[in-house]
Protein backbone atom coordinates (compact mmCIF):
# COMPACT_ATOMS: atom_id res chain seq x y z
CA MET A 1 -30.60 -6.54 45.51
CA PRO A 2 -29.87 -8.99 42.63
CA GLU A 3 -27.88 -12.05 43.42
CA HIS A 4 -24.47 -12.37 41.74
CA THR A 5 -24.00 -15.53 39.69
CA PRO A 6 -20.50 -16.65 38.73
CA PRO A 7 -19.71 -17.26 35.05
CA PRO A 8 -20.12 -20.84 33.89
CA GLU A 9 -17.11 -23.12 34.23
CA ARG A 10 -15.12 -23.58 31.04
CA ASP A 11 -13.17 -26.71 30.18
CA LEU A 12 -9.52 -25.70 29.89
CA PHE A 13 -8.87 -28.33 27.22
CA ASP A 14 -11.56 -27.08 24.83
CA ALA A 15 -10.41 -25.16 21.78
CA PRO A 16 -10.61 -21.41 22.29
CA GLU A 17 -13.34 -19.61 20.44
CA ALA A 18 -11.50 -17.87 17.63
CA SER A 19 -12.67 -14.75 15.91
CA PRO A 20 -13.43 -15.51 12.26
CA ALA A 21 -12.85 -11.91 11.21
CA TYR A 22 -10.04 -11.37 8.70
CA ARG A 23 -9.02 -15.02 8.56
CA ARG A 24 -9.05 -15.38 4.74
CA PRO A 25 -7.22 -12.07 4.08
CA LEU A 26 -4.55 -13.17 6.56
CA ALA A 27 -4.06 -16.44 4.67
CA ILE A 28 -3.88 -14.65 1.32
CA GLY A 29 -1.44 -12.15 2.82
CA GLY A 30 0.69 -15.06 3.99
CA PHE A 31 0.85 -16.43 0.45
CA VAL A 32 1.66 -13.00 -1.00
CA LEU A 33 4.44 -12.46 1.54
CA ALA A 34 5.75 -15.93 0.71
CA VAL A 35 6.16 -14.99 -2.95
CA VAL A 36 7.69 -11.63 -2.03
CA SER A 37 10.20 -13.40 0.23
CA LEU A 38 11.69 -15.10 -2.82
CA PHE A 39 12.93 -11.74 -4.15
CA LEU A 40 12.91 -9.08 -1.43
CA LEU A 41 14.16 -9.29 2.17
CA PRO A 42 13.55 -13.04 2.57
CA VAL A 43 13.97 -13.20 6.34
CA LEU A 44 11.62 -10.32 7.15
CA THR A 45 8.90 -11.10 4.61
CA GLY A 46 9.16 -14.85 5.21
CA VAL A 47 8.66 -14.48 8.95
CA LEU A 48 5.77 -12.05 8.41
CA GLY A 49 4.19 -14.53 5.99
CA MET A 50 4.49 -17.33 8.54
CA VAL A 51 2.96 -15.14 11.25
CA ALA A 52 0.06 -14.17 8.97
CA GLY A 53 -0.52 -17.79 7.96
CA LEU A 54 -0.43 -19.10 11.50
CA SER A 55 -2.75 -16.32 12.64
CA ALA A 56 -5.23 -17.35 9.95
CA HIS A 57 -4.83 -20.99 11.02
CA VAL A 58 -5.56 -20.16 14.64
CA LYS A 59 -8.64 -18.21 13.57
CA GLY A 60 -9.90 -21.31 11.75
CA ASP A 61 -9.01 -20.83 8.09
CA ARG A 62 -8.03 -24.03 6.32
CA LEU A 63 -5.50 -22.18 4.13
CA GLY A 64 -3.64 -20.73 7.12
CA PHE A 65 -1.21 -23.57 7.74
CA PRO A 66 -0.35 -24.09 4.05
CA ALA A 67 0.33 -20.34 3.81
CA ALA A 68 2.69 -20.50 6.79
CA PHE A 69 4.46 -23.56 5.40
CA THR A 70 4.81 -21.97 1.96
CA ALA A 71 6.21 -18.79 3.51
CA GLY A 72 8.83 -20.83 5.37
CA VAL A 73 9.88 -22.73 2.26
CA CYS A 74 9.99 -19.57 0.15
CA MET A 75 12.02 -17.82 2.84
CA ILE A 76 14.64 -20.58 2.70
CA LEU A 77 14.66 -20.52 -1.12
CA GLY A 78 14.91 -16.71 -1.08
CA MET A 79 17.91 -16.85 1.24
CA GLY A 80 19.53 -19.37 -1.10
CA LEU A 81 18.86 -17.16 -4.12
CA GLU A 82 20.25 -14.15 -2.29
CA PHE A 83 23.37 -16.13 -1.42
CA LEU A 84 23.88 -17.25 -5.03
CA ILE A 85 23.32 -13.78 -6.47
CA ASN A 86 25.60 -11.99 -3.99
CA ARG A 87 28.34 -14.59 -4.22
């Protein structure tokens, strides 16, 4: 009967191994949703852009955080534009 060996210990403070799949399309989607949030449903598309950008950032794409930041700024600008237009 084979002997059971426990899995190797993992340091809890090491960065998790992220899946690199779909990291660049997520960042590009974050930028696209950022631009869309300027004109159409700024809260919904801005939040979705931030989520896509942060997901790309967690997966290791260097454009992920800038996409999330851009989506947040565009969301705020889109809400301001919506306020000025509907005033």
